[in-house]
Amino acid sequence: MGLPVHSGPRENARRRPSPRLLALLLGWGALMVASPLDGQKQGSFPPTSRIVWLGDSITHQGLYSRFVEDFFFSRYPLRKQLFVNCGVNGDRSADALARLDLDVAPWKPTKVFVCLGMNDGAFSRDGIKALPEFQRNIRGILGGIRGLGAQAILLSPPPVDPHVFLRFGSPPPVEETLRGYNLVLKRFGSWLQTEAAKRKIPFVDLHNPLLQYQKRLKFRNPAESLSPDGIHPGNVGSALIAITILKSLGEQKPRLSVGIQGNRPEIEGGRLRGLVRTSDGFQFQLRADALPWVLPEEARGAAVLEAGYLLFNRFLLQAKDLPPGDYELRVDGMALLTATAKEWAKGVDLALETDHPDWIQAEQCVAWNAERGGLVRTGIRDIWEARRMLARSKQKGQSNSPDHRAIQERLKALEKNVGKVGVRLKELEARIQNGNKPRWHAYSLHRLSFPQEPKKREP
C-alpha cells in the first residue's frame, strides 16, 4: 500500500500508485470556493489551476509553499485551485525526475514550481562537478512537465549560511563544510536562469535576493540567520521566498482602497453601502473582495517588511473635508485607530491593523492551513521519504540492518494512518473554503471631543 518512491532513474517508472491510496489522497490540498463575490480580479493563475511544488526538504517542510497558498486563498476566494506539496527530504534532481510520473502526474498539474539543487552539490566546493548531471536531470524534469501539458516555473536554490551550519551526527559541526558552497548554488541558479530563457518559461531567482537579506541581517546582528540550521530557510526566510515568488508573479498590489469626499465614495477592491454623514463624521458598511495576507507571528520581521510585505496588504482609507480635529475609526463598534483630519485627508493605511476583523478572519484560515500543511508533511510526504530511504538502503546491501527494519516499521505506520490523515485534511480544507470569504463590516469615523481646561480667574 502507498505511493512507490524511486531512488533513481533506473527504478521501474511504470509502477503505479495504489488506487485505494490515490483515491484517499486525491482532493487533499485543494482550496476551493463556489459562491461569487463582486470585483474579484483574475490574478496570475487561471481560476482552476492545479499547482504542484516539486522539490527537496526545503519544499518538504512546507513553509514557503504554505505562505504562497495563504496568499492565494485570502486574495482570491473565488478560486477552485489545487495546491500539492511534492517535496521530499534529501532529494536530488535525479530522485525528483524518477518520481515525476508517480508523484506529480496523478494530480494533472497546470503549473509546477521546481526548486532543486541544494543536495546535488553535496554541500562541497567540489559540488560544481555535479552540474552536468544536474543539467541532464532538470532537462528531463522539464520535458516530463511539458509532457503533462503543464508549465514549469524554475526556482533557483536559496543560499546556505555556513556560520550556523549544523551537521547532525559525527563528525561535529564544521563551518568549513559549507564555505564556498554558495558559489556552487549560484552557478546552478545561473544555469537554471539561462535554461528557462531558452525554453521561454518563468524563472524566479531566490538565491541572490535571500543572500542580500542574509548579509544585511548579519550586519545588524552577526548571530542572526534566515536559516536555523544553515541550510533550510526558517519562517522568516520562507516568508521572503514567498514574497519573492509573488513579486515575480506580479501579485504585489494593494488589497483595498476607499476614498470619501462629501457623499461620494470611491472604492477599489470591495463594495460600500449605506454611507451616511453625521454631525461629527460618517458611517458606512464595507465588504472587501479579499482578506489580508496574514503571515504567522514567527514569520514576521524587519526583513519581511523591507521586502515589501506591506504592499501586498495595503488598505488605504481616505476621508476628505473633515473639520479639524482627531477622529477615531471604529469597525463593528470596536475602536481601531485614531488620526487627525489632515492624516485622514491624505489617507491612512490599515494594512497592519491586526485587530481588524478581516485580519482576525484570515488569521484563523492561516491556522487551519498550517495544520493542514503539517499533516501533509508528516502524513504524506514522509511516506515518500521513507520509501526512498528503503530503496537506497537496499541498493547498499543493507536490507537486513536494524536501520532498514526501523524504516520499514515507520513506513507501515505511516501508510496505516494515511486514511485518518486524509479525513482530517478534507475537514480542514472545508473550513478554509467556508472561512475565507470576506464579510460585511460596519465602519464609523467620528471626531473625538476632549474636555477643555477651565479658564483661570483673573486676580
Protein backbone atom coordinates (compact mmCIF):
# COMPACT_ATOMS: atom_id res chain seq x y z
CA MET A 1 0.00 0.00 0.00
CA GLY A 2 1.27 3.50 -0.70
CA LEU A 3 2.87 5.64 -3.33
CA PRO A 4 6.10 3.99 -4.54
CA VAL A 5 9.19 6.13 -4.30
CA HIS A 6 12.12 5.58 -6.62
CA SER A 7 15.71 6.07 -5.56
CA GLY A 8 16.93 6.87 -9.04
CA PRO A 9 16.11 6.93 -12.74
CA ARG A 10 16.82 3.21 -13.14
CA GLU A 11 13.87 2.20 -10.97
CA ASN A 12 10.80 0.84 -12.73
CA ALA A 13 8.93 4.03 -13.67
CA ARG A 14 5.82 2.11 -14.74
CA ARG A 15 4.74 1.12 -11.24
CA ARG A 16 1.55 2.96 -10.38
CA PRO A 17 0.25 4.23 -7.04
CA SER A 18 -2.21 2.06 -5.15
CA PRO A 19 -5.68 3.00 -6.49
CA ARG A 20 -7.11 2.90 -2.96
CA LEU A 21 -4.42 5.18 -1.57
CA LEU A 22 -4.63 7.52 -4.54
CA ALA A 23 -8.39 7.77 -4.05
CA LEU A 24 -7.81 8.71 -0.41
CA LEU A 25 -5.24 11.36 -1.26
CA LEU A 26 -6.80 12.98 -4.32
CA GLY A 27 -8.54 16.09 -3.11
CA TRP A 28 -6.27 16.99 -0.19
CA GLY A 29 -4.57 20.29 -0.78
CA ALA A 30 -7.47 21.92 -2.61
CA LEU A 31 -8.53 25.36 -1.50
CA MET A 32 -11.90 25.89 -3.17
CA VAL A 33 -14.87 28.23 -3.02
CA ALA A 34 -18.02 28.30 -5.08
CA SER A 35 -20.04 31.45 -4.37
CA PRO A 36 -19.07 34.63 -6.21
CA LEU A 37 -18.04 38.00 -4.82
CA ASP A 38 -18.13 41.23 -6.75
CA GLY A 39 -14.97 42.69 -8.24
CA GLN A 40 -12.81 39.57 -7.98
CA LYS A 41 -9.68 40.04 -10.09
CA GLN A 42 -8.17 37.42 -12.37
CA GLY A 43 -4.72 37.22 -10.77
CA SER A 44 -1.64 35.43 -12.06
CA PHE A 45 -3.18 31.94 -12.34
CA PRO A 46 -6.41 30.86 -14.04
CA PRO A 47 -9.21 30.12 -11.53
CA THR A 48 -8.95 26.33 -11.88
CA SER A 49 -5.16 25.98 -11.78
CA ARG A 50 -3.59 22.84 -10.30
CA ILE A 51 -0.28 23.87 -8.77
CA VAL A 52 2.46 21.44 -7.67
CA TRP A 53 5.54 22.26 -5.59
CA LEU A 54 8.33 19.87 -6.68
CA GLY A 55 11.47 19.94 -4.58
CA ASP A 56 13.64 18.63 -1.77
CA SER A 57 13.50 19.17 2.00
CA ILE A 58 13.08 22.94 1.59
CA THR A 59 9.77 22.16 -0.11
CA HIS A 60 9.02 19.10 2.05
CA GLN A 61 8.96 21.25 5.21
CA GLY A 62 6.02 23.13 3.73
CA LEU A 63 6.78 26.70 4.75
CA TYR A 64 7.33 28.88 1.66
CA SER A 65 4.72 26.92 -0.29
CA ARG A 66 2.19 27.29 2.52
CA PHE A 67 2.74 31.04 2.74
CA VAL A 68 2.11 31.38 -1.00
CA GLU A 69 -1.03 29.26 -0.63
CA ASP A 70 -2.15 31.52 2.24
CA PHE A 71 -1.87 34.48 -0.12
CA PHE A 72 -3.94 32.88 -2.86
CA PHE A 73 -6.80 31.62 -0.70
CA SER A 74 -7.07 35.02 1.01
CA ARG A 75 -6.64 37.17 -2.11
CA TYR A 76 -8.77 35.06 -4.48
CA PRO A 77 -11.59 33.40 -2.51
CA LEU A 78 -13.41 32.52 -5.76
CA ARG A 79 -10.68 30.20 -6.93
CA LYS A 80 -11.15 26.49 -7.37
CA GLN A 81 -7.45 25.73 -7.19
CA LEU A 82 -5.42 22.75 -6.10
CA PHE A 83 -2.08 23.11 -4.30
CA VAL A 84 0.02 19.97 -3.86
CA ASN A 85 3.32 19.62 -2.00
CA CYS A 86 5.61 17.16 -3.80
CA GLY A 87 8.80 17.84 -1.84
CA VAL A 88 10.90 15.01 -0.39
CA ASN A 89 13.65 15.36 2.20
CA GLY A 90 17.10 14.67 0.80
CA ASP A 91 16.04 14.54 -2.84
CA ARG A 92 18.45 15.35 -5.61
CA SER A 93 17.33 16.21 -9.10
CA ALA A 94 17.68 12.53 -10.13
CA ASP A 95 15.24 11.48 -7.39
CA ALA A 96 12.69 14.11 -8.42
CA LEU A 97 12.96 13.02 -12.05
CA ALA A 98 12.43 9.37 -11.11
CA ARG A 99 9.21 10.03 -9.16
CA LEU A 100 7.73 12.53 -11.60
CA ASP A 101 5.29 10.05 -13.16
CA LEU A 102 4.11 8.66 -9.82
CA ASP A 103 4.15 11.71 -7.57
CA VAL A 104 3.34 14.64 -9.87
CA ALA A 105 1.49 13.27 -12.89
CA PRO A 106 -1.57 11.93 -10.99
CA TRP A 107 -2.50 15.48 -9.98
CA LYS A 108 -2.72 16.61 -13.63
CA PRO A 109 -0.95 19.89 -12.82
CA THR A 110 -1.18 23.05 -14.86
CA LYS A 111 1.81 24.69 -13.09
CA VAL A 112 4.82 23.03 -11.46
CA PHE A 113 7.23 25.05 -9.34
CA VAL A 114 10.63 23.30 -9.38
CA CYS A 115 13.06 24.05 -6.53
CA LEU A 116 16.03 21.66 -6.66
CA GLY A 117 19.80 21.77 -6.49
CA MET A 118 20.53 22.13 -2.78
CA ASN A 119 21.53 18.47 -2.41
CA ASP A 120 23.03 17.92 -5.86
CA GLY A 121 26.34 19.55 -4.99
CA ALA A 122 26.70 17.51 -1.77
CA PHE A 123 27.45 20.68 0.24
CA SER A 124 31.00 20.86 -1.05
CA ARG A 125 33.08 23.33 -3.01
CA ASP A 126 33.62 20.49 -5.46
CA GLY A 127 29.88 20.27 -5.97
CA ILE A 128 30.21 22.16 -9.23
CA LYS A 129 31.35 18.84 -10.72
CA ALA A 130 27.74 17.69 -10.38
CA LEU A 131 26.49 20.47 -12.68
CA PRO A 132 26.38 18.34 -15.90
CA GLU A 133 24.28 15.64 -14.19
CA PHE A 134 22.07 18.31 -12.61
CA GLN A 135 21.53 19.81 -16.05
CA ARG A 136 20.55 16.45 -17.56
CA ASN A 137 18.09 15.74 -14.77
CA ILE A 138 16.49 19.18 -14.87
CA ARG A 139 16.09 18.92 -18.64
CA GLY A 140 14.42 15.56 -18.09
CA ILE A 141 12.10 17.06 -15.47
CA LEU A 142 11.21 19.97 -17.75
CA GLY A 143 10.48 17.58 -20.60
CA GLY A 144 8.30 15.48 -18.33
CA ILE A 145 6.36 18.50 -17.10
CA ARG A 146 5.83 19.66 -20.67
CA GLY A 147 4.58 16.17 -21.50
CA LEU A 148 1.95 16.56 -18.79
CA GLY A 149 0.68 19.69 -20.50
CA ALA A 150 1.87 21.84 -17.60
CA GLN A 151 4.11 24.89 -17.36
CA ALA A 152 7.27 24.65 -15.27
CA ILE A 153 8.42 27.57 -13.13
CA LEU A 154 12.08 27.23 -12.15
CA LEU A 155 13.30 28.47 -8.76
CA SER A 156 17.00 28.83 -8.01
CA PRO A 157 18.16 27.12 -4.79
CA PRO A 158 18.34 29.56 -1.85
CA PRO A 159 21.70 30.27 -0.18
CA VAL A 160 23.20 28.43 2.77
CA ASP A 161 24.58 30.06 5.91
CA PRO A 162 27.92 28.41 6.75
CA HIS A 163 28.17 30.29 10.05
CA VAL A 164 25.30 28.36 11.62
CA PHE A 165 25.56 25.10 9.70
CA LEU A 166 24.82 22.11 11.91
CA ARG A 167 25.72 18.61 10.83
CA PHE A 168 23.75 16.01 12.75
CA GLY A 169 25.78 13.05 13.96
CA SER A 170 29.53 12.81 13.62
CA PRO A 171 31.89 14.45 12.91
CA PRO A 172 30.88 17.56 14.88
CA PRO A 173 29.72 20.71 13.05
CA VAL A 174 32.40 22.06 10.76
CA GLU A 175 31.77 25.51 9.33
CA GLU A 176 34.31 24.90 6.57
CA THR A 177 31.98 22.28 5.07
CA LEU A 178 29.77 24.96 3.58
CA ARG A 179 32.37 27.61 2.80
CA GLY A 180 32.23 28.20 -0.94
CA TYR A 181 29.01 26.22 -1.43
CA ASN A 182 27.04 29.36 -2.16
CA LEU A 183 29.21 29.82 -5.25
CA VAL A 184 28.16 26.34 -6.39
CA LEU A 185 24.49 27.12 -5.78
CA LYS A 186 24.89 30.42 -7.60
CA ARG A 187 26.26 28.57 -10.64
CA PHE A 188 23.31 26.17 -10.52
CA GLY A 189 20.93 29.12 -10.37
CA SER A 190 22.65 30.93 -13.25
CA TRP A 191 22.29 27.86 -15.44
CA LEU A 192 18.61 27.48 -14.45
CA GLN A 193 18.01 31.09 -15.49
CA THR A 194 19.69 30.50 -18.84
CA GLU A 195 17.74 27.29 -19.43
CA ALA A 196 14.46 29.00 -18.53
CA ALA A 197 15.19 31.79 -21.00
CA LYS A 198 15.91 29.25 -23.76
CA ARG A 199 12.64 27.45 -23.09
CA LYS A 200 10.70 30.68 -22.53
CA ILE A 201 9.43 29.57 -19.14
CA PRO A 202 9.37 31.60 -15.90
CA PHE A 203 12.40 31.73 -13.61
CA VAL A 204 12.46 33.09 -10.06
CA ASP A 205 15.82 33.99 -8.53
CA LEU A 206 15.69 33.07 -4.85
CA HIS A 207 19.43 32.82 -4.28
CA ASN A 208 20.63 36.38 -4.78
CA PRO A 209 17.80 38.26 -3.01
CA LEU A 210 17.96 35.98 0.04
CA LEU A 211 21.74 36.23 0.15
CA GLN A 212 21.45 40.02 0.29
CA TYR A 213 18.81 39.87 3.04
CA GLN A 214 21.06 37.48 4.94
CA LYS A 215 24.04 39.84 4.66
CA ARG A 216 22.00 42.79 5.90
CA LEU A 217 20.63 40.71 8.76
CA LYS A 218 24.12 39.71 9.87
CA PHE A 219 25.36 43.28 9.58
CA ARG A 220 22.84 44.23 12.26
CA ASN A 221 23.40 41.09 14.34
CA PRO A 222 26.05 38.50 13.30
CA ALA A 223 24.29 35.83 15.37
CA GLU A 224 21.05 36.04 13.38
CA SER A 225 20.28 33.92 10.35
CA LEU A 226 17.47 33.22 7.91
CA SER A 227 18.21 29.52 8.39
CA PRO A 228 18.21 27.85 11.82
CA ASP A 229 20.50 25.03 10.63
CA GLY A 230 22.34 26.88 7.87
CA ILE A 231 20.52 25.05 5.06
CA HIS A 232 16.75 25.14 5.49
CA PRO A 233 15.14 28.59 5.49
CA GLY A 234 13.21 29.23 8.68
CA ASN A 235 9.90 31.02 8.94
CA VAL A 236 11.24 34.48 8.08
CA GLY A 237 13.45 33.10 5.30
CA SER A 238 10.49 31.16 3.88
CA ALA A 239 8.33 34.29 4.05
CA LEU A 240 10.99 36.08 2.00
CA ILE A 241 10.88 33.25 -0.55
CA ALA A 242 7.10 33.55 -0.74
CA ILE A 243 7.33 37.33 -1.22
CA THR A 244 9.93 36.87 -3.96
CA ILE A 245 7.73 34.33 -5.78
CA LEU A 246 4.62 36.51 -5.50
CA LYS A 247 6.52 39.57 -6.73
CA SER A 248 7.67 37.61 -9.77
CA LEU A 249 4.03 36.69 -10.45
CA GLY A 250 3.01 40.35 -10.37
CA GLU A 251 0.89 39.94 -7.23
CA GLN A 252 2.31 42.84 -5.22
CA LYS A 253 -0.78 45.03 -5.44
CA PRO A 254 -2.93 46.94 -2.91
CA ARG A 255 -5.79 44.98 -1.36
CA LEU A 256 -8.36 47.74 -0.89
CA SER A 257 -8.78 51.48 -1.42
CA VAL A 258 -11.64 53.63 -0.12
CA GLY A 259 -11.94 57.38 -0.66
CA ILE A 260 -14.77 59.53 0.70
CA GLN A 261 -15.39 63.16 -0.19
CA GLY A 262 -18.75 64.62 0.66
CA ASN A 263 -21.29 61.90 -0.08
CA ARG A 264 -19.33 60.40 -2.96
CA PRO A 265 -17.38 57.23 -2.13
CA GLU A 266 -14.74 55.84 -4.47
CA ILE A 267 -13.74 52.26 -3.87
CA GLU A 268 -11.46 49.70 -5.47
CA GLY A 269 -11.26 46.15 -4.19
CA GLY A 270 -14.60 45.94 -2.41
CA ARG A 271 -18.19 47.14 -2.04
CA LEU A 272 -19.51 50.01 0.07
CA ARG A 273 -23.10 50.72 1.04
CA GLY A 274 -25.11 52.86 3.46
CA LEU A 275 -22.82 55.90 3.54
CA VAL A 276 -24.28 58.43 5.99
CA ARG A 277 -22.75 61.76 7.01
CA THR A 278 -23.10 62.55 10.69
CA SER A 279 -22.55 65.70 12.71
CA ASP A 280 -19.05 64.56 13.69
CA GLY A 281 -18.02 62.24 10.82
CA PHE A 282 -19.71 59.47 8.84
CA GLN A 283 -20.56 55.77 8.85
CA PHE A 284 -20.92 53.06 6.21
CA GLN A 285 -20.77 49.33 5.60
CA LEU A 286 -17.88 47.77 3.68
CA ARG A 287 -17.03 44.35 2.35
CA ALA A 288 -13.60 43.75 0.84
CA ASP A 289 -13.13 41.47 -2.14
CA ALA A 290 -10.19 39.82 -0.40
CA LEU A 291 -8.87 39.15 3.07
CA PRO A 292 -5.39 40.36 4.04
CA TRP A 293 -2.40 38.08 3.50
CA VAL A 294 -1.55 37.13 7.08
CA LEU A 295 1.84 35.69 7.95
CA PRO A 296 2.13 33.80 11.25
CA GLU A 297 3.85 35.71 14.03
CA GLU A 298 7.02 33.62 13.76
CA ALA A 299 7.37 34.65 10.09
CA ARG A 300 7.19 38.39 10.71
CA GLY A 301 10.25 40.58 11.00
CA ALA A 302 12.02 43.67 9.75
CA ALA A 303 13.36 41.81 6.70
CA VAL A 304 9.81 40.85 5.69
CA LEU A 305 8.65 44.47 5.84
CA GLU A 306 11.80 45.53 3.99
CA ALA A 307 10.94 43.03 1.25
CA GLY A 308 7.60 44.73 0.61
CA TYR A 309 5.11 42.69 2.62
CA LEU A 310 3.15 45.85 3.41
CA LEU A 311 2.39 46.49 -0.26
CA PHE A 312 0.51 43.19 -0.60
CA ASN A 313 -1.92 44.24 2.14
CA ARG A 314 -2.31 47.96 1.56
CA PHE A 315 -5.78 49.17 2.61
CA LEU A 316 -5.95 52.91 2.15
CA LEU A 317 -8.86 54.72 3.79
CA GLN A 318 -9.10 58.38 2.79
CA ALA A 319 -11.65 60.87 4.13
CA LYS A 320 -11.60 64.46 2.90
CA ASP A 321 -13.48 67.58 4.00
CA LEU A 322 -13.36 66.68 7.69
CA PRO A 323 -13.29 69.64 10.10
CA PRO A 324 -10.02 69.90 12.07
CA GLY A 325 -9.69 67.50 14.97
CA ASP A 326 -8.85 63.94 15.97
CA TYR A 327 -11.05 61.19 14.52
CA GLU A 328 -11.49 57.66 15.79
CA LEU A 329 -12.18 54.79 13.40
CA ARG A 330 -14.41 52.03 14.71
CA VAL A 331 -15.12 48.75 12.94
CA ASP A 332 -18.09 46.74 14.18
CA GLY A 333 -18.14 49.01 17.22
CA MET A 334 -14.51 48.36 18.17
CA ALA A 335 -12.06 51.27 18.29
CA LEU A 336 -9.30 50.55 15.76
CA LEU A 337 -7.17 53.69 15.48
CA THR A 338 -7.16 57.48 15.77
CA ALA A 339 -5.76 60.01 13.30
CA THR A 340 -6.10 63.73 12.62
CA ALA A 341 -8.30 65.22 9.91
CA LYS A 342 -5.16 66.03 7.90
CA GLU A 343 -3.97 62.43 8.14
CA TRP A 344 -7.37 61.09 7.05
CA ALA A 345 -7.35 63.53 4.12
CA LYS A 346 -4.00 62.11 2.94
CA GLY A 347 -5.15 58.56 3.58
CA VAL A 348 -4.43 56.13 6.42
CA ASP A 349 -3.11 52.65 5.62
CA LEU A 350 -4.83 49.89 7.60
CA ALA A 351 -2.56 47.15 6.21
CA LEU A 352 -1.09 46.07 9.54
CA GLU A 353 -4.12 46.60 11.77
CA THR A 354 -4.10 43.14 13.32
CA ASP A 355 -7.27 43.82 15.36
CA HIS A 356 -9.34 44.40 12.22
CA PRO A 357 -11.99 41.66 11.82
CA ASP A 358 -10.72 40.90 8.29
CA TRP A 359 -7.26 40.19 9.73
CA ILE A 360 -8.67 38.01 12.51
CA GLN A 361 -10.75 36.05 9.99
CA ALA A 362 -7.72 35.49 7.74
CA GLU A 363 -5.58 34.54 10.74
CA GLN A 364 -7.95 31.68 11.53
CA CYS A 365 -7.72 30.40 7.94
CA VAL A 366 -3.93 30.60 8.15
CA ALA A 367 -4.00 28.49 11.33
CA TRP A 368 -6.12 25.85 9.58
CA ASN A 369 -3.74 25.82 6.62
CA ALA A 370 -0.77 25.47 8.98
CA GLU A 371 -2.35 22.36 10.49
CA ARG A 372 -3.12 21.11 7.00
CA GLY A 373 0.49 21.67 5.91
CA GLY A 374 1.81 19.82 8.94
CA LEU A 375 -0.38 16.81 8.17
CA VAL A 376 0.72 16.79 4.54
CA ARG A 377 4.35 16.89 5.68
CA THR A 378 4.19 14.18 8.34
CA GLY A 379 1.37 12.06 6.96
CA ILE A 380 2.00 12.14 3.20
CA ARG A 381 5.45 13.43 2.26
CA ASP A 382 7.17 11.34 4.92
CA ILE A 383 5.86 8.24 3.11
CA TRP A 384 7.83 9.22 0.02
CA GLU A 385 10.93 9.90 2.08
CA ALA A 386 10.70 6.53 3.86
CA ARG A 387 10.30 4.64 0.58
CA ARG A 388 13.30 6.37 -0.93
CA MET A 389 15.36 5.59 2.17
CA LEU A 390 14.41 1.92 1.88
CA ALA A 391 15.37 1.86 -1.80
CA ARG A 392 18.78 3.39 -1.07
CA SER A 393 19.34 1.03 1.85
CA LYS A 394 18.54 -1.94 -0.38
CA GLN A 395 20.94 -0.69 -3.07
CA LYS A 396 23.70 -0.57 -0.45
CA GLY A 397 23.00 -4.18 0.57
CA GLN A 398 21.69 -3.17 3.99
CA SER A 399 18.26 -4.85 3.76
CA ASN A 400 18.89 -6.86 6.93
CA SER A 401 20.25 -3.99 9.00
CA PRO A 402 18.41 -2.65 12.09
CA ASP A 403 18.10 0.75 10.41
CA HIS A 404 16.41 -0.80 7.36
CA ARG A 405 13.92 -2.66 9.54
CA ALA A 406 13.21 0.51 11.55
CA ILE A 407 12.38 2.40 8.35
CA GLN A 408 10.10 -0.45 7.26
CA GLU A 409 8.18 -0.25 10.54
CA ARG A 410 7.91 3.52 10.24
CA LEU A 411 6.59 3.21 6.69
CA LYS A 412 3.94 0.67 7.77
CA ALA A 413 2.75 3.03 10.50
CA LEU A 414 2.59 5.97 8.09
CA GLU A 415 0.62 4.02 5.48
CA LYS A 416 -1.74 2.65 8.12
CA ASN A 417 -2.56 6.18 9.26
CA VAL A 418 -3.00 7.77 5.84
CA GLY A 419 -6.77 7.28 5.80
CA LYS A 420 -7.21 9.27 9.02
CA VAL A 421 -4.87 11.93 7.67
CA GLY A 422 -6.97 12.25 4.52
CA VAL A 423 -10.19 12.67 6.52
CA ARG A 424 -8.71 15.44 8.65
CA LEU A 425 -7.24 17.18 5.59
CA LYS A 426 -10.65 17.33 3.96
CA GLU A 427 -12.14 18.76 7.15
CA LEU A 428 -9.51 21.49 7.25
CA GLU A 429 -9.93 22.30 3.56
CA ALA A 430 -13.70 22.65 4.06
CA ARG A 431 -13.09 25.07 6.93
CA ILE A 432 -10.76 27.16 4.79
CA GLN A 433 -13.21 27.14 1.89
CA ASN A 434 -16.02 28.32 4.14
CA GLY A 435 -13.90 30.72 6.15
CA ASN A 436 -12.00 32.69 3.51
CA LYS A 437 -14.95 34.71 2.17
CA PRO A 438 -14.85 38.38 3.25
CA ARG A 439 -17.81 39.66 5.28
CA TRP A 440 -19.65 42.95 5.63
CA HIS A 441 -18.44 45.20 8.45
CA ALA A 442 -19.77 48.44 9.91
CA TYR A 443 -17.34 51.39 9.85
CA SER A 444 -17.73 54.69 11.66
CA LEU A 445 -15.44 57.70 11.84
CA HIS A 446 -16.25 60.29 14.46
CA ARG A 447 -14.47 63.28 15.93
CA LEU A 448 -13.21 62.94 19.47
CA SER A 449 -14.00 65.69 21.94
CA PHE A 450 -11.60 66.33 24.78
CA PRO A 451 -12.56 68.22 27.93
CA GLN A 452 -11.15 71.71 27.91
CA GLU A 453 -9.16 73.04 30.81
CA PRO A 454 -11.14 75.54 32.91
CA LYS A 455 -10.17 79.13 32.37
CA LYS A 456 -8.14 80.69 35.14
CA ARG A 457 -9.81 83.54 37.02
CA GLU A 458 -8.24 86.94 36.73
CA PRO A 459 -6.65 88.03 40.02
